[in-house]
Amino acid sequence: MCLNVYQNITINHLRVEAVTNASVLQIGSAGFIRSLAQLYNTGGFTGPAPQILGPSPNIISLVRLPNPS
């Protein structure tokens, strides 16, 4: 038995609230996910980043995805 599955996913906007060291974002299906974590402190930082200061720190940033090909 031969079974072919074709998948087409269209996403107009994708909003990601946060990304952490153990985050996985998956769109669609996969047989398996191989995780890889490589953490580097290339800036030589020793503490947390400063808080955002300004009139509106709750700015929402949307990332437009390209059209599917």
C-alpha atoms as a PDB file:
ATOM      1  CA  MET A   1       0.000   0.000   0.000  1.00  0.00           C
ATOM      2  CA  CYS A   2       1.422   3.375  -1.032  1.00  0.00           C
ATOM      3  CA  LEU A   3       0.183   6.398   0.908  1.00  0.00           C
ATOM      4  CA  ASN A   4       1.117   9.953  -0.098  1.00  0.00           C
ATOM      5  CA  VAL A   5       0.271  12.851   2.205  1.00  0.00           C
ATOM      6  CA  TYR A   6       0.605  16.430   0.969  1.00  0.00           C
ATOM      7  CA  GLN A   7       0.507  19.235   3.464  1.00  0.00           C
ATOM      8  CA  ASN A   8       0.037  22.954   2.910  1.00  0.00           C
ATOM      9  CA  ILE A   9       0.121  25.400   5.821  1.00  0.00           C
ATOM     10  CA  THR A  10      -0.510  29.127   5.386  1.00  0.00           C
ATOM     11  CA  ILE A  11       0.226  31.478   8.270  1.00  0.00           C
ATOM     12  CA  ASN A  12      -0.527  35.179   7.902  1.00  0.00           C
ATOM     13  CA  HIS A  13       0.780  36.319  11.288  1.00  0.00           C
ATOM     14  CA  LEU A  14       2.703  34.435  13.964  1.00  0.00           C
ATOM     15  CA  ARG A  15       3.027  36.004  17.390  1.00  0.00           C
ATOM     16  CA  VAL A  16       5.650  34.590  19.748  1.00  0.00           C
ATOM     17  CA  GLU A  17       5.392  35.918  23.286  1.00  0.00           C
ATOM     18  CA  ALA A  18       8.724  34.604  24.573  1.00  0.00           C
ATOM     19  CA  VAL A  19      11.643  32.411  23.632  1.00  0.00           C
ATOM     20  CA  THR A  20      13.571  30.555  26.313  1.00  0.00           C
ATOM     21  CA  ASN A  21      16.465  28.123  26.338  1.00  0.00           C
ATOM     22  CA  ALA A  22      14.127  25.132  26.107  1.00  0.00           C
ATOM     23  CA  SER A  23      11.645  26.475  23.541  1.00  0.00           C
ATOM     24  CA  VAL A  24      10.434  24.464  20.566  1.00  0.00           C
ATOM     25  CA  LEU A  25       8.289  26.052  17.862  1.00  0.00           C
ATOM     26  CA  GLN A  26       6.829  23.522  15.450  1.00  0.00           C
ATOM     27  CA  ILE A  27       4.527  24.214  12.534  1.00  0.00           C
ATOM     28  CA  GLY A  28       3.195  21.111  10.819  1.00  0.00           C
ATOM     29  CA  SER A  29       4.219  17.570  11.577  1.00  0.00           C
ATOM     30  CA  ALA A  30       7.534  15.806  11.795  1.00  0.00           C
ATOM     31  CA  GLY A  31       8.639  12.270  12.430  1.00  0.00           C
ATOM     32  CA  PHE A  32      11.008  13.410  15.145  1.00  0.00           C
ATOM     33  CA  ILE A  33      12.668  16.539  16.517  1.00  0.00           C
ATOM     34  CA  ARG A  34      16.379  16.601  17.236  1.00  0.00           C
ATOM     35  CA  SER A  35      17.107  19.269  19.801  1.00  0.00           C
ATOM     36  CA  LEU A  36      20.395  21.116  19.987  1.00  0.00           C
ATOM     37  CA  ALA A  37      21.350  23.766  22.496  1.00  0.00           C
ATOM     38  CA  GLN A  38      24.457  25.873  22.064  1.00  0.00           C
ATOM     39  CA  LEU A  39      24.754  28.741  24.527  1.00  0.00           C
ATOM     40  CA  TYR A  40      27.500  31.309  24.139  1.00  0.00           C
ATOM     41  CA  ASN A  41      28.206  34.467  26.109  1.00  0.00           C
ATOM     42  CA  THR A  42      29.869  36.330  23.251  1.00  0.00           C
ATOM     43  CA  GLY A  43      29.275  39.745  24.816  1.00  0.00           C
ATOM     44  CA  GLY A  44      30.885  38.890  28.140  1.00  0.00           C
ATOM     45  CA  PHE A  45      27.696  39.797  30.019  1.00  0.00           C
ATOM     46  CA  THR A  46      27.676  39.191  33.771  1.00  0.00           C
ATOM     47  CA  GLY A  47      24.079  40.081  34.670  1.00  0.00           C
ATOM     48  CA  PRO A  48      20.550  40.464  33.312  1.00  0.00           C
ATOM     49  CA  ALA A  49      19.693  43.042  30.645  1.00  0.00           C
ATOM     50  CA  PRO A  50      18.336  46.392  31.888  1.00  0.00           C
ATOM     51  CA  GLN A  51      14.589  47.009  31.894  1.00  0.00           C
ATOM     52  CA  ILE A  52      13.036  48.854  28.932  1.00  0.00           C
ATOM     53  CA  LEU A  53      12.365  52.462  29.846  1.00  0.00           C
ATOM     54  CA  GLY A  54      10.142  54.807  27.886  1.00  0.00           C
ATOM     55  CA  PRO A  55       6.561  55.940  27.364  1.00  0.00           C
ATOM     56  CA  SER A  56       5.171  52.537  26.263  1.00  0.00           C
ATOM     57  CA  PRO A  57       7.223  49.459  27.262  1.00  0.00           C
ATOM     58  CA  ASN A  58       4.363  47.094  26.257  1.00  0.00           C
ATOM     59  CA  ILE A  59       4.917  47.451  22.510  1.00  0.00           C
ATOM     60  CA  ILE A  60       3.800  44.405  20.520  1.00  0.00           C
ATOM     61  CA  SER A  61       6.063  43.506  17.617  1.00  0.00           C
ATOM     62  CA  LEU A  62       4.598  41.421  14.791  1.00  0.00           C
ATOM     63  CA  VAL A  63       6.801  39.583  12.313  1.00  0.00           C
ATOM     64  CA  ARG A  64       5.352  39.213   8.809  1.00  0.00           C
ATOM     65  CA  LEU A  65       6.076  35.838   7.270  1.00  0.00           C
ATOM     66  CA  PRO A  66       6.875  35.473   3.567  1.00  0.00           C
ATOM     67  CA  ASN A  67       4.256  34.021   1.237  1.00  0.00           C
ATOM     68  CA  PRO A  68       4.566  30.264   0.770  1.00  0.00           C
ATOM     69  CA  SER A  69       6.308  29.169  -2.396  1.00  0.00           C
END
